[in-house]
C-alpha cells in the first residue's frame, strides 16, 4: 500500500498468528491483517481486509482462540465521534462480519479498545467519554457467534477523574482488566478489576496495583 501501515497487533489461534494493523489508503485509514505461520511464512502476502468502513478505522486490537479471532478498533463511520466496532476472523483469515459488529455506539468518544478470549467468547473493554466530563472504563462480552452482551456496555470503572488505556487478559474462564487511573488527582496510578466469564465486574472499586 502507498500509505502508512501503523499500530500493529497480533494474536495466535494456537497454530498460526494473525497480525492486524491500520492501513493508510487513498481516502481513509482501514484495518487490514495477515496470517503468519509458526515457521514464519506470510500466508496472506497481499493482506486481507478486516474493515473498510466509511471514514477512518484506527487502533486495532485482537485476541484469538482455536476457533478464531476477534478484532476490535476505533471506528469513525458516524462522522461525529469514535465508536467501537469489531469483526470475527476465521483461522483461515476470513472476516466474518465485513460490515462490522457495533460493540459500543454510546454518546461522545469510545477509544483504545482491548480484547481477550475465554473458552466461550471474548471480553472487550475501552475508555469511554459518554459522561461528557471524564473518561471511564466500559466493557462488554461478544460471543463466538458475534452477539454483543450489552449494547450499552458495563461499567468497569467510573472513579473520579479519568481512567484510560485499558488492557485485558484471560485465564481461560475469566478476565483481568487493568488501566491508568487518575482518581487520586495528583498523578495516575494503575488499577485492575476481575471480570467473570459472564461479564460481571468482581471489583467495583478497583484493585490498586501501583
N, C-alpha and C. Protein backbone atom coordinates (compact mmCIF):
# COMPACT_ATOMS: atom_id res chain seq x y z
N UNK A 1 0.84 -1.18 0.00
CA UNK A 1 0.00 0.00 0.00
C UNK A 1 0.88 1.25 0.00
N UNK A 2 0.44 2.29 -0.69
CA UNK A 2 1.23 3.51 -0.75
C UNK A 2 1.20 4.29 0.56
N UNK A 3 0.18 4.09 1.38
CA UNK A 3 0.09 4.81 2.64
C UNK A 3 0.85 4.12 3.75
N UNK A 4 0.77 4.70 4.95
CA UNK A 4 1.45 4.13 6.11
C UNK A 4 0.67 2.95 6.69
N UNK A 5 1.41 1.98 7.16
CA UNK A 5 0.84 0.89 7.95
C UNK A 5 1.34 1.06 9.39
N UNK A 6 0.41 1.21 10.34
CA UNK A 6 0.75 1.57 11.71
C UNK A 6 -0.07 0.75 12.70
N UNK A 7 0.27 0.86 13.97
CA UNK A 7 -0.48 0.29 15.09
C UNK A 7 -0.71 -1.22 14.95
N UNK A 8 0.36 -2.02 14.78
CA UNK A 8 0.15 -3.46 14.65
C UNK A 8 -0.25 -4.11 15.96
N UNK A 9 -0.99 -5.20 15.85
CA UNK A 9 -1.36 -6.05 16.98
C UNK A 9 -1.39 -7.48 16.48
N UNK A 10 -1.17 -8.44 17.39
CA UNK A 10 -1.05 -9.83 16.96
C UNK A 10 -1.64 -10.76 18.01
N UNK A 11 -2.19 -11.87 17.54
CA UNK A 11 -2.71 -12.92 18.40
C UNK A 11 -2.49 -14.26 17.72
N UNK A 12 -2.64 -15.33 18.49
CA UNK A 12 -2.46 -16.68 17.96
C UNK A 12 -3.74 -17.49 18.13
N UNK A 13 -3.98 -18.41 17.21
CA UNK A 13 -5.08 -19.36 17.36
C UNK A 13 -4.60 -20.69 17.92
N UNK A 14 -3.33 -20.72 18.35
CA UNK A 14 -2.74 -21.94 18.86
C UNK A 14 -1.90 -22.67 17.83
N UNK A 15 -2.01 -22.23 16.57
CA UNK A 15 -1.23 -22.84 15.49
C UNK A 15 -0.53 -21.78 14.66
N UNK A 16 -1.30 -20.86 14.10
CA UNK A 16 -0.75 -19.74 13.35
C UNK A 16 -0.97 -18.44 14.12
N UNK A 17 -0.53 -17.33 13.54
CA UNK A 17 -0.72 -16.00 14.10
C UNK A 17 -1.55 -15.18 13.11
N UNK A 18 -2.24 -14.18 13.66
CA UNK A 18 -2.92 -13.21 12.80
C UNK A 18 -2.49 -11.83 13.26
N UNK A 19 -1.92 -11.06 12.32
CA UNK A 19 -1.43 -9.71 12.58
C UNK A 19 -2.42 -8.73 11.96
N UNK A 20 -2.79 -7.70 12.70
CA UNK A 20 -3.65 -6.65 12.17
C UNK A 20 -2.96 -5.30 12.32
N UNK A 21 -3.39 -4.35 11.49
CA UNK A 21 -2.81 -3.00 11.55
C UNK A 21 -3.77 -2.02 10.92
N UNK A 22 -3.54 -0.72 11.18
CA UNK A 22 -4.28 0.32 10.48
C UNK A 22 -3.50 0.68 9.23
N UNK A 23 -4.21 0.76 8.12
CA UNK A 23 -3.60 0.83 6.81
C UNK A 23 -4.06 2.09 6.09
N UNK A 24 -3.12 2.98 5.78
CA UNK A 24 -3.46 4.24 5.14
C UNK A 24 -3.76 4.06 3.66
N UNK A 25 -5.03 4.15 3.29
CA UNK A 25 -5.43 4.01 1.90
C UNK A 25 -5.47 5.35 1.19
N UNK A 26 -6.19 5.38 0.07
CA UNK A 26 -6.26 6.58 -0.75
C UNK A 26 -7.06 7.67 -0.06
N UNK A 27 -8.21 7.31 0.53
CA UNK A 27 -9.09 8.33 1.09
C UNK A 27 -9.35 8.17 2.59
N UNK A 28 -9.03 7.01 3.17
CA UNK A 28 -9.27 6.80 4.59
C UNK A 28 -8.34 5.73 5.11
N UNK A 29 -8.31 5.58 6.43
CA UNK A 29 -7.49 4.56 7.08
C UNK A 29 -8.39 3.37 7.40
N UNK A 30 -7.96 2.18 7.00
CA UNK A 30 -8.74 0.96 7.17
C UNK A 30 -7.96 -0.04 8.01
N UNK A 31 -8.59 -1.17 8.34
CA UNK A 31 -7.94 -2.23 9.10
C UNK A 31 -7.68 -3.41 8.17
N UNK A 32 -6.42 -3.83 8.11
CA UNK A 32 -6.01 -4.98 7.32
C UNK A 32 -5.34 -6.00 8.24
N UNK A 33 -5.15 -7.20 7.74
CA UNK A 33 -4.48 -8.23 8.51
C UNK A 33 -3.78 -9.23 7.62
N UNK A 34 -3.02 -10.12 8.24
CA UNK A 34 -2.35 -11.20 7.51
C UNK A 34 -2.00 -12.30 8.50
N UNK A 35 -2.11 -13.56 8.04
CA UNK A 35 -1.69 -14.70 8.85
C UNK A 35 -0.19 -14.95 8.67
N UNK A 36 0.42 -15.39 9.74
CA UNK A 36 1.83 -15.80 9.72
C UNK A 36 1.90 -17.19 10.35
N UNK A 37 2.57 -18.12 9.66
CA UNK A 37 2.66 -19.48 10.17
C UNK A 37 3.69 -19.58 11.29
N UNK A 38 3.70 -20.72 11.96
CA UNK A 38 4.68 -20.95 13.02
C UNK A 38 6.09 -20.99 12.50
N UNK A 39 6.27 -21.24 11.21
CA UNK A 39 7.60 -21.25 10.60
C UNK A 39 8.00 -19.89 10.04
N UNK A 40 7.12 -18.88 10.20
CA UNK A 40 7.43 -17.53 9.75
C UNK A 40 6.98 -17.22 8.34
N UNK A 41 6.22 -18.09 7.72
CA UNK A 41 5.72 -17.82 6.37
C UNK A 41 4.52 -16.88 6.43
N UNK A 42 4.53 -15.86 5.58
CA UNK A 42 3.39 -14.95 5.49
C UNK A 42 2.35 -15.61 4.58
N UNK A 43 1.23 -15.99 5.16
CA UNK A 43 0.22 -16.76 4.44
C UNK A 43 -0.72 -15.88 3.62
N UNK A 44 -0.73 -14.59 3.90
CA UNK A 44 -1.56 -13.65 3.15
C UNK A 44 -0.69 -12.48 2.70
N UNK A 45 0.17 -12.69 1.70
CA UNK A 45 1.16 -11.66 1.34
C UNK A 45 0.55 -10.35 0.85
N UNK A 46 -0.67 -10.40 0.35
CA UNK A 46 -1.34 -9.17 -0.08
C UNK A 46 -2.21 -8.56 1.00
N UNK A 47 -2.24 -9.20 2.16
CA UNK A 47 -3.09 -8.73 3.25
C UNK A 47 -4.55 -9.09 3.00
N UNK A 48 -5.34 -9.09 4.06
CA UNK A 48 -6.78 -9.32 3.96
C UNK A 48 -7.49 -8.13 4.59
N UNK A 49 -8.64 -7.78 4.01
CA UNK A 49 -9.42 -6.66 4.51
C UNK A 49 -10.18 -7.09 5.76
N UNK A 50 -9.95 -6.39 6.85
CA UNK A 50 -10.72 -6.61 8.08
C UNK A 50 -11.88 -5.62 8.16
N UNK A 51 -11.63 -4.35 7.83
CA UNK A 51 -12.69 -3.35 7.79
C UNK A 51 -12.31 -2.24 6.83
N UNK A 52 -13.25 -1.91 5.94
CA UNK A 52 -13.12 -0.77 5.05
C UNK A 52 -14.36 0.11 5.13
N UNK A 53 -14.81 0.37 6.34
CA UNK A 53 -15.99 1.21 6.55
C UNK A 53 -15.70 2.66 6.17
N UNK A 54 -16.75 3.46 6.08
CA UNK A 54 -16.62 4.88 5.79
C UNK A 54 -15.75 5.58 6.84
N UNK A 55 -14.97 6.54 6.41
CA UNK A 55 -14.08 7.30 7.30
C UNK A 55 -12.99 6.37 7.86
N UNK A 56 -12.37 6.77 8.96
CA UNK A 56 -11.19 6.07 9.44
C UNK A 56 -11.52 5.00 10.48
N UNK A 57 -10.74 3.91 10.43
CA UNK A 57 -10.74 2.90 11.49
C UNK A 57 -9.32 2.84 12.05
N UNK A 58 -9.17 2.95 13.37
CA UNK A 58 -7.86 3.14 13.99
C UNK A 58 -7.66 2.18 15.17
N UNK A 59 -6.40 2.04 15.58
CA UNK A 59 -6.00 1.38 16.84
C UNK A 59 -6.62 -0.01 17.01
N UNK A 60 -6.34 -0.93 16.11
CA UNK A 60 -6.92 -2.28 16.27
C UNK A 60 -6.29 -3.03 17.43
N UNK A 61 -7.10 -3.93 18.00
CA UNK A 61 -6.64 -4.90 18.99
C UNK A 61 -7.23 -6.25 18.59
N UNK A 62 -6.59 -7.34 19.01
CA UNK A 62 -7.01 -8.66 18.58
C UNK A 62 -6.76 -9.68 19.68
N UNK A 63 -7.63 -10.68 19.75
CA UNK A 63 -7.40 -11.84 20.59
C UNK A 63 -7.86 -13.07 19.83
N UNK A 64 -7.22 -14.21 20.11
CA UNK A 64 -7.51 -15.41 19.35
C UNK A 64 -7.72 -16.63 20.21
N UNK A 65 -8.34 -17.63 19.61
CA UNK A 65 -8.56 -18.93 20.23
C UNK A 65 -8.52 -19.97 19.11
N UNK A 66 -8.53 -21.25 19.43
CA UNK A 66 -8.52 -22.26 18.37
C UNK A 66 -9.70 -22.17 17.40
N UNK A 67 -10.78 -21.50 17.81
CA UNK A 67 -11.94 -21.37 16.93
C UNK A 67 -11.94 -20.08 16.11
N UNK A 68 -11.00 -19.17 16.35
CA UNK A 68 -10.92 -17.94 15.56
C UNK A 68 -10.56 -16.73 16.40
N UNK A 69 -10.67 -15.56 15.77
CA UNK A 69 -10.22 -14.30 16.36
C UNK A 69 -11.36 -13.31 16.46
N UNK A 70 -11.17 -12.32 17.35
CA UNK A 70 -11.99 -11.12 17.34
C UNK A 70 -11.05 -9.92 17.22
N UNK A 71 -11.27 -9.09 16.20
CA UNK A 71 -10.53 -7.85 16.00
C UNK A 71 -11.47 -6.70 16.36
N UNK A 72 -10.97 -5.74 17.15
CA UNK A 72 -11.76 -4.56 17.53
C UNK A 72 -10.96 -3.31 17.22
N UNK A 73 -11.66 -2.18 17.03
CA UNK A 73 -10.97 -0.95 16.66
C UNK A 73 -11.85 0.27 16.97
N UNK A 74 -11.23 1.47 16.91
CA UNK A 74 -11.94 2.74 16.96
C UNK A 74 -12.49 3.03 15.57
N UNK A 75 -13.76 3.36 15.48
CA UNK A 75 -14.43 3.48 14.20
C UNK A 75 -15.13 4.85 14.09
N UNK A 76 -14.84 5.58 13.02
CA UNK A 76 -15.36 6.93 12.83
C UNK A 76 -16.43 6.99 11.74
N UNK A 77 -17.10 5.89 11.48
CA UNK A 77 -18.10 5.90 10.40
C UNK A 77 -19.26 6.84 10.69
N UNK A 78 -19.54 7.15 11.95
CA UNK A 78 -20.65 8.04 12.27
C UNK A 78 -20.40 9.46 11.78
N UNK A 79 -19.13 9.82 11.62
CA UNK A 79 -18.79 11.16 11.17
C UNK A 79 -18.77 12.21 12.26
N UNK A 80 -19.17 11.83 13.48
CA UNK A 80 -19.22 12.80 14.58
C UNK A 80 -18.36 12.39 15.76
N UNK A 81 -18.21 11.10 16.01
CA UNK A 81 -17.42 10.65 17.17
C UNK A 81 -16.90 9.25 16.89
N UNK A 82 -16.07 8.76 17.79
CA UNK A 82 -15.48 7.44 17.64
C UNK A 82 -16.29 6.41 18.40
N UNK A 83 -16.59 5.29 17.75
CA UNK A 83 -17.28 4.16 18.36
C UNK A 83 -16.36 2.94 18.35
N UNK A 84 -16.79 1.88 19.00
CA UNK A 84 -16.03 0.63 19.00
C UNK A 84 -16.77 -0.39 18.14
N UNK A 85 -16.07 -0.87 17.12
CA UNK A 85 -16.59 -1.92 16.24
C UNK A 85 -15.63 -3.10 16.26
N UNK A 86 -16.11 -4.23 15.76
CA UNK A 86 -15.26 -5.41 15.67
C UNK A 86 -15.70 -6.33 14.56
N UNK A 87 -14.91 -7.34 14.30
CA UNK A 87 -15.30 -8.42 13.40
C UNK A 87 -14.61 -9.70 13.83
N UNK A 88 -15.30 -10.81 13.65
CA UNK A 88 -14.69 -12.11 13.85
C UNK A 88 -13.91 -12.49 12.60
N UNK A 89 -12.78 -13.13 12.82
CA UNK A 89 -11.95 -13.60 11.70
C UNK A 89 -11.67 -15.08 11.91
N UNK A 90 -11.86 -15.88 10.88
CA UNK A 90 -11.63 -17.31 11.00
C UNK A 90 -10.13 -17.62 11.03
N UNK A 91 -9.79 -18.84 11.39
CA UNK A 91 -8.38 -19.24 11.39
C UNK A 91 -7.82 -19.30 9.97
N UNK A 92 -8.70 -19.27 8.96
CA UNK A 92 -8.27 -19.20 7.56
C UNK A 92 -8.09 -17.76 7.09
N UNK A 93 -8.33 -16.79 7.98
CA UNK A 93 -8.12 -15.39 7.63
C UNK A 93 -9.28 -14.72 6.94
N UNK A 94 -10.50 -15.22 7.14
CA UNK A 94 -11.69 -14.65 6.51
C UNK A 94 -12.46 -13.83 7.54
N UNK A 95 -12.73 -12.55 7.23
CA UNK A 95 -13.53 -11.70 8.10
C UNK A 95 -15.00 -12.09 7.97
N UNK A 96 -15.62 -12.51 9.07
CA UNK A 96 -16.99 -12.99 9.03
C UNK A 96 -18.03 -11.88 9.10
N UNK A 97 -17.61 -10.70 9.55
CA UNK A 97 -18.55 -9.59 9.73
C UNK A 97 -18.02 -8.36 8.99
N UNK A 98 -18.05 -8.38 7.63
CA UNK A 98 -17.40 -7.30 6.87
C UNK A 98 -17.99 -5.92 7.14
N UNK A 99 -19.25 -5.85 7.53
CA UNK A 99 -19.84 -4.55 7.87
C UNK A 99 -19.50 -4.11 9.29
N UNK A 100 -18.92 -5.01 10.07
CA UNK A 100 -18.55 -4.70 11.44
C UNK A 100 -19.66 -4.98 12.43
N UNK A 101 -19.28 -5.38 13.63
CA UNK A 101 -20.20 -5.55 14.75
C UNK A 101 -20.13 -4.27 15.59
N UNK A 102 -21.26 -3.62 15.79
CA UNK A 102 -21.30 -2.42 16.64
C UNK A 102 -21.22 -2.85 18.10
N UNK A 103 -20.06 -2.65 18.71
CA UNK A 103 -19.85 -3.07 20.10
C UNK A 103 -20.24 -1.97 21.07
N UNK A 104 -19.89 -0.73 20.76
CA UNK A 104 -20.36 0.41 21.55
C UNK A 104 -20.50 1.63 20.65
N UNK A 105 -21.72 2.17 20.61
CA UNK A 105 -22.00 3.40 19.86
C UNK A 105 -22.61 4.44 20.79
N UNK A 106 -22.13 4.47 22.03
CA UNK A 106 -22.62 5.43 23.02
C UNK A 106 -22.26 6.86 22.61
N UNK A 107 -22.82 7.83 23.31
CA UNK A 107 -22.54 9.23 23.03
C UNK A 107 -21.06 9.55 23.23
N UNK A 108 -20.59 10.58 22.56
CA UNK A 108 -19.20 11.03 22.65
C UNK A 108 -18.25 9.93 22.15
N UNK A 109 -16.97 10.00 22.56
CA UNK A 109 -15.95 9.10 22.02
C UNK A 109 -15.75 7.85 22.86
N UNK A 110 -15.59 6.73 22.19
CA UNK A 110 -15.10 5.49 22.78
C UNK A 110 -13.76 5.18 22.09
N UNK A 111 -12.71 4.98 22.88
CA UNK A 111 -11.34 4.90 22.37
C UNK A 111 -10.61 3.71 22.97
N UNK A 112 -9.43 3.43 22.43
CA UNK A 112 -8.46 2.49 22.99
C UNK A 112 -9.07 1.13 23.34
N UNK A 113 -9.64 0.43 22.37
CA UNK A 113 -10.23 -0.87 22.67
C UNK A 113 -9.18 -1.93 22.98
N UNK A 114 -9.59 -2.91 23.76
CA UNK A 114 -8.76 -4.06 24.07
C UNK A 114 -9.68 -5.27 24.14
N UNK A 115 -9.14 -6.48 23.94
CA UNK A 115 -9.97 -7.67 23.87
C UNK A 115 -9.19 -8.87 24.38
N UNK A 116 -9.88 -9.79 25.04
CA UNK A 116 -9.28 -11.06 25.44
C UNK A 116 -10.30 -12.18 25.25
N UNK A 117 -9.80 -13.37 24.96
CA UNK A 117 -10.64 -14.53 24.66
C UNK A 117 -10.70 -15.47 25.85
N UNK A 118 -11.89 -16.02 26.08
CA UNK A 118 -12.01 -17.14 27.01
C UNK A 118 -12.61 -18.31 26.24
N UNK A 119 -12.97 -19.35 26.90
CA UNK A 119 -13.42 -20.53 26.20
C UNK A 119 -14.74 -20.37 25.48
N UNK A 120 -15.55 -19.37 25.86
CA UNK A 120 -16.90 -19.23 25.30
C UNK A 120 -17.05 -18.02 24.38
N UNK A 121 -16.08 -17.15 24.34
CA UNK A 121 -16.19 -15.94 23.54
C UNK A 121 -15.12 -14.95 23.92
N UNK A 122 -15.47 -13.66 23.96
CA UNK A 122 -14.50 -12.61 24.15
C UNK A 122 -15.04 -11.54 25.10
N UNK A 123 -14.11 -10.86 25.79
CA UNK A 123 -14.42 -9.66 26.56
C UNK A 123 -13.74 -8.49 25.88
N UNK A 124 -14.47 -7.40 25.68
CA UNK A 124 -13.93 -6.18 25.08
C UNK A 124 -14.05 -5.05 26.08
N UNK A 125 -13.03 -4.21 26.19
CA UNK A 125 -13.07 -3.03 27.06
C UNK A 125 -12.51 -1.84 26.31
N UNK A 126 -12.84 -0.63 26.79
CA UNK A 126 -12.40 0.60 26.13
C UNK A 126 -12.53 1.76 27.10
N UNK A 127 -11.90 2.90 26.76
CA UNK A 127 -12.09 4.12 27.54
C UNK A 127 -13.23 4.91 26.89
N UNK A 128 -14.12 5.45 27.72
CA UNK A 128 -15.42 5.93 27.27
C UNK A 128 -15.69 7.32 27.82
N UNK A 129 -16.05 8.26 26.92
CA UNK A 129 -16.29 9.65 27.32
C UNK A 129 -17.79 9.99 27.32
N UNK A 130 -18.65 9.00 27.44
CA UNK A 130 -20.09 9.27 27.34
C UNK A 130 -20.59 10.22 28.41
N UNK A 131 -19.88 10.33 29.54
CA UNK A 131 -20.30 11.25 30.60
C UNK A 131 -20.15 12.71 30.16
N UNK A 132 -19.28 12.95 29.19
CA UNK A 132 -19.03 14.31 28.74
C UNK A 132 -18.08 15.09 29.60
N UNK A 133 -17.59 14.49 30.69
CA UNK A 133 -16.71 15.21 31.60
C UNK A 133 -15.43 14.45 31.92
N UNK A 134 -15.43 13.11 31.78
CA UNK A 134 -14.24 12.34 32.09
C UNK A 134 -14.30 11.00 31.36
N UNK A 135 -13.13 10.40 31.18
CA UNK A 135 -13.07 9.06 30.61
C UNK A 135 -13.27 8.01 31.71
N UNK A 136 -14.11 7.04 31.43
CA UNK A 136 -14.32 5.88 32.29
C UNK A 136 -13.97 4.63 31.50
N UNK A 137 -13.92 3.49 32.17
CA UNK A 137 -13.66 2.22 31.50
C UNK A 137 -14.96 1.43 31.44
N UNK A 138 -15.35 1.05 30.23
CA UNK A 138 -16.53 0.24 29.99
C UNK A 138 -16.11 -1.04 29.28
N UNK A 139 -17.01 -2.02 29.29
CA UNK A 139 -16.74 -3.25 28.57
C UNK A 139 -18.01 -4.01 28.29
N UNK A 140 -17.89 -5.04 27.46
CA UNK A 140 -19.00 -5.95 27.20
C UNK A 140 -18.46 -7.24 26.62
N UNK A 141 -19.23 -8.30 26.75
CA UNK A 141 -18.88 -9.57 26.12
C UNK A 141 -19.32 -9.58 24.66
N UNK A 142 -18.58 -10.31 23.85
CA UNK A 142 -19.00 -10.63 22.48
C UNK A 142 -18.87 -12.14 22.35
N UNK A 143 -19.95 -12.79 21.97
CA UNK A 143 -19.94 -14.24 21.88
C UNK A 143 -19.19 -14.70 20.63
N UNK A 144 -18.88 -15.99 20.60
CA UNK A 144 -18.21 -16.54 19.42
C UNK A 144 -19.08 -16.46 18.18
N UNK A 145 -20.40 -16.25 18.38
CA UNK A 145 -21.32 -16.07 17.26
C UNK A 145 -21.46 -14.60 16.86
N UNK A 146 -20.77 -13.70 17.57
CA UNK A 146 -20.80 -12.28 17.24
C UNK A 146 -21.88 -11.48 17.94
N UNK A 147 -22.54 -12.07 18.94
CA UNK A 147 -23.59 -11.36 19.68
C UNK A 147 -22.96 -10.50 20.78
N UNK A 148 -23.38 -9.25 20.86
CA UNK A 148 -22.89 -8.32 21.88
C UNK A 148 -23.72 -8.49 23.14
N UNK A 149 -23.06 -8.71 24.27
CA UNK A 149 -23.77 -9.00 25.51
C UNK A 149 -24.57 -7.83 26.02
N UNK A 150 -24.03 -6.62 25.99
CA UNK A 150 -24.72 -5.42 26.48
C UNK A 150 -24.48 -4.29 25.50
N UNK A 151 -25.54 -3.84 24.83
CA UNK A 151 -25.38 -2.78 23.84
C UNK A 151 -24.99 -1.45 24.48
N UNK A 152 -25.33 -1.27 25.76
CA UNK A 152 -24.94 -0.04 26.46
C UNK A 152 -23.61 -0.16 27.17
N UNK A 153 -23.10 -1.39 27.29
CA UNK A 153 -21.83 -1.60 27.97
C UNK A 153 -21.99 -1.72 29.48
N UNK A 154 -21.01 -2.31 30.12
CA UNK A 154 -20.96 -2.47 31.56
C UNK A 154 -19.84 -1.60 32.12
N UNK A 155 -20.11 -0.88 33.19
CA UNK A 155 -19.08 -0.04 33.82
C UNK A 155 -18.04 -0.93 34.49
N UNK A 156 -16.79 -0.78 34.11
CA UNK A 156 -15.68 -1.45 34.78
C UNK A 156 -15.09 -0.52 35.83
N UNK A 157 -14.94 0.76 35.48
CA UNK A 157 -14.52 1.76 36.46
C UNK A 157 -15.04 3.12 36.05
N UNK A 158 -15.73 3.79 36.99
CA UNK A 158 -16.18 5.17 36.80
C UNK A 158 -15.74 6.00 38.00
N UNK A 159 -14.52 5.77 38.47
CA UNK A 159 -13.97 6.52 39.59
C UNK A 159 -13.77 7.98 39.19
N UNK A 160 -13.40 8.81 40.16
CA UNK A 160 -13.20 10.23 39.90
C UNK A 160 -12.10 10.44 38.86
N UNK A 161 -12.22 11.52 38.11
CA UNK A 161 -11.25 11.90 37.10
C UNK A 161 -11.17 10.84 36.00
N UNK A 162 -10.09 10.82 35.23
CA UNK A 162 -10.02 9.96 34.05
C UNK A 162 -9.47 8.58 34.35
N UNK A 163 -10.05 7.59 33.68
CA UNK A 163 -9.49 6.24 33.59
C UNK A 163 -9.24 5.97 32.11
N UNK A 164 -8.02 5.55 31.76
CA UNK A 164 -7.64 5.46 30.35
C UNK A 164 -6.83 4.20 30.08
N UNK A 165 -6.65 3.92 28.78
CA UNK A 165 -5.74 2.89 28.27
C UNK A 165 -5.94 1.52 28.91
N UNK A 166 -7.13 0.95 28.80
CA UNK A 166 -7.36 -0.37 29.38
C UNK A 166 -6.64 -1.48 28.62
N UNK A 167 -6.33 -2.55 29.33
CA UNK A 167 -5.80 -3.77 28.74
C UNK A 167 -6.49 -4.95 29.42
N UNK A 168 -6.66 -6.04 28.68
CA UNK A 168 -7.33 -7.23 29.19
C UNK A 168 -6.46 -8.46 28.99
N UNK A 169 -6.60 -9.42 29.89
CA UNK A 169 -6.03 -10.76 29.73
C UNK A 169 -7.02 -11.74 30.32
N UNK A 170 -7.00 -12.97 29.79
CA UNK A 170 -7.90 -14.02 30.26
C UNK A 170 -7.11 -15.22 30.72
N UNK A 171 -7.69 -15.95 31.68
CA UNK A 171 -7.04 -17.19 32.15
C UNK A 171 -7.76 -18.43 31.64
N UNK A 172 -8.66 -18.24 30.68
CA UNK A 172 -9.41 -19.34 30.11
C UNK A 172 -10.87 -19.31 30.48
N UNK A 173 -11.19 -18.75 31.65
CA UNK A 173 -12.58 -18.66 32.09
C UNK A 173 -12.99 -17.25 32.53
N UNK A 174 -12.04 -16.46 33.01
CA UNK A 174 -12.34 -15.10 33.46
C UNK A 174 -11.25 -14.16 32.97
N UNK A 175 -11.42 -12.86 33.27
CA UNK A 175 -10.55 -11.83 32.70
C UNK A 175 -10.04 -10.90 33.80
N UNK A 176 -8.93 -10.25 33.53
CA UNK A 176 -8.44 -9.17 34.36
C UNK A 176 -8.28 -7.94 33.48
N UNK A 177 -8.94 -6.85 33.88
CA UNK A 177 -8.78 -5.56 33.21
C UNK A 177 -7.84 -4.69 34.03
N UNK A 178 -6.95 -3.98 33.37
CA UNK A 178 -6.06 -3.01 34.03
C UNK A 178 -6.14 -1.70 33.27
N UNK A 179 -5.86 -0.59 33.95
CA UNK A 179 -5.94 0.71 33.30
C UNK A 179 -5.16 1.74 34.11
N UNK A 180 -4.90 2.89 33.46
CA UNK A 180 -4.31 4.04 34.14
C UNK A 180 -5.44 4.84 34.77
N UNK A 181 -5.30 5.19 36.06
CA UNK A 181 -6.40 5.73 36.84
C UNK A 181 -5.99 7.04 37.51
N UNK A 182 -6.77 8.11 37.24
CA UNK A 182 -6.46 9.43 37.78
C UNK A 182 -7.27 9.82 38.99
N UNK A 183 -7.87 8.86 39.70
CA UNK A 183 -8.78 9.20 40.79
C UNK A 183 -8.10 9.96 41.92
N UNK A 184 -6.78 9.78 42.11
CA UNK A 184 -6.08 10.47 43.20
C UNK A 184 -5.90 11.95 42.92
N UNK A 185 -6.00 12.35 41.66
CA UNK A 185 -5.89 13.75 41.31
C UNK A 185 -4.49 14.21 41.01
N UNK A 186 -3.52 13.93 41.89
CA UNK A 186 -2.16 14.43 41.71
C UNK A 186 -1.40 13.67 40.63
N UNK A 187 -1.68 12.38 40.49
CA UNK A 187 -0.98 11.59 39.49
C UNK A 187 -1.82 10.36 39.15
N UNK A 188 -1.47 9.71 38.05
CA UNK A 188 -2.14 8.48 37.66
C UNK A 188 -1.52 7.29 38.38
N UNK A 189 -2.36 6.31 38.70
CA UNK A 189 -1.93 5.04 39.27
C UNK A 189 -2.47 3.92 38.39
N UNK A 190 -2.05 2.69 38.65
CA UNK A 190 -2.54 1.54 37.90
C UNK A 190 -3.55 0.79 38.77
N UNK A 191 -4.73 0.60 38.23
CA UNK A 191 -5.79 -0.15 38.89
C UNK A 191 -6.18 -1.35 38.04
N UNK A 192 -6.87 -2.30 38.67
CA UNK A 192 -7.31 -3.51 37.99
C UNK A 192 -8.68 -3.92 38.51
N UNK A 193 -9.35 -4.78 37.76
CA UNK A 193 -10.59 -5.39 38.21
C UNK A 193 -10.74 -6.74 37.55
N UNK A 194 -11.21 -7.72 38.32
CA UNK A 194 -11.52 -9.02 37.76
C UNK A 194 -12.91 -8.98 37.12
N UNK A 195 -13.05 -9.71 36.04
CA UNK A 195 -14.32 -9.79 35.32
C UNK A 195 -14.63 -11.26 35.08
N UNK A 196 -15.83 -11.67 35.42
CA UNK A 196 -16.20 -13.08 35.25
C UNK A 196 -16.40 -13.40 33.77
N UNK A 197 -16.48 -14.69 33.48
CA UNK A 197 -16.75 -15.11 32.12
C UNK A 197 -18.09 -14.65 31.60
N UNK A 198 -19.00 -14.31 32.50
CA UNK A 198 -20.31 -13.78 32.12
C UNK A 198 -20.29 -12.27 31.94
N UNK A 199 -19.15 -11.62 32.22
CA UNK A 199 -19.03 -10.18 32.03
C UNK A 199 -19.33 -9.35 33.24
N UNK A 200 -19.46 -9.97 34.42
CA UNK A 200 -19.73 -9.22 35.66
C UNK A 200 -18.41 -8.76 36.29
N UNK A 201 -18.38 -7.52 36.78
CA UNK A 201 -17.18 -6.95 37.39
C UNK A 201 -17.13 -7.36 38.86
N UNK A 202 -16.05 -8.01 39.26
CA UNK A 202 -15.93 -8.52 40.63
C UNK A 202 -15.36 -7.49 41.60
N UNK A 203 -14.71 -6.46 41.09
CA UNK A 203 -14.04 -5.47 41.95
C UNK A 203 -14.51 -4.08 41.55
N UNK A 204 -15.69 -3.70 42.03
CA UNK A 204 -16.32 -2.45 41.59
C UNK A 204 -15.48 -1.22 41.93
N UNK A 205 -14.73 -1.27 43.02
CA UNK A 205 -13.90 -0.13 43.40
C UNK A 205 -12.50 -0.20 42.80
N UNK A 206 -12.18 -1.30 42.14
CA UNK A 206 -10.86 -1.47 41.56
C UNK A 206 -9.84 -1.96 42.56
N UNK A 207 -8.79 -2.58 42.05
CA UNK A 207 -7.68 -3.05 42.86
C UNK A 207 -6.47 -2.17 42.56
N UNK A 208 -5.96 -1.47 43.57
CA UNK A 208 -4.80 -0.61 43.37
C UNK A 208 -3.54 -1.48 43.21
N UNK A 209 -2.85 -1.34 42.09
CA UNK A 209 -1.62 -2.08 41.84
C UNK A 209 -0.37 -1.26 42.14
N UNK A 210 -0.39 0.00 41.74
CA UNK A 210 0.78 0.86 41.95
C UNK A 210 0.42 2.30 41.64
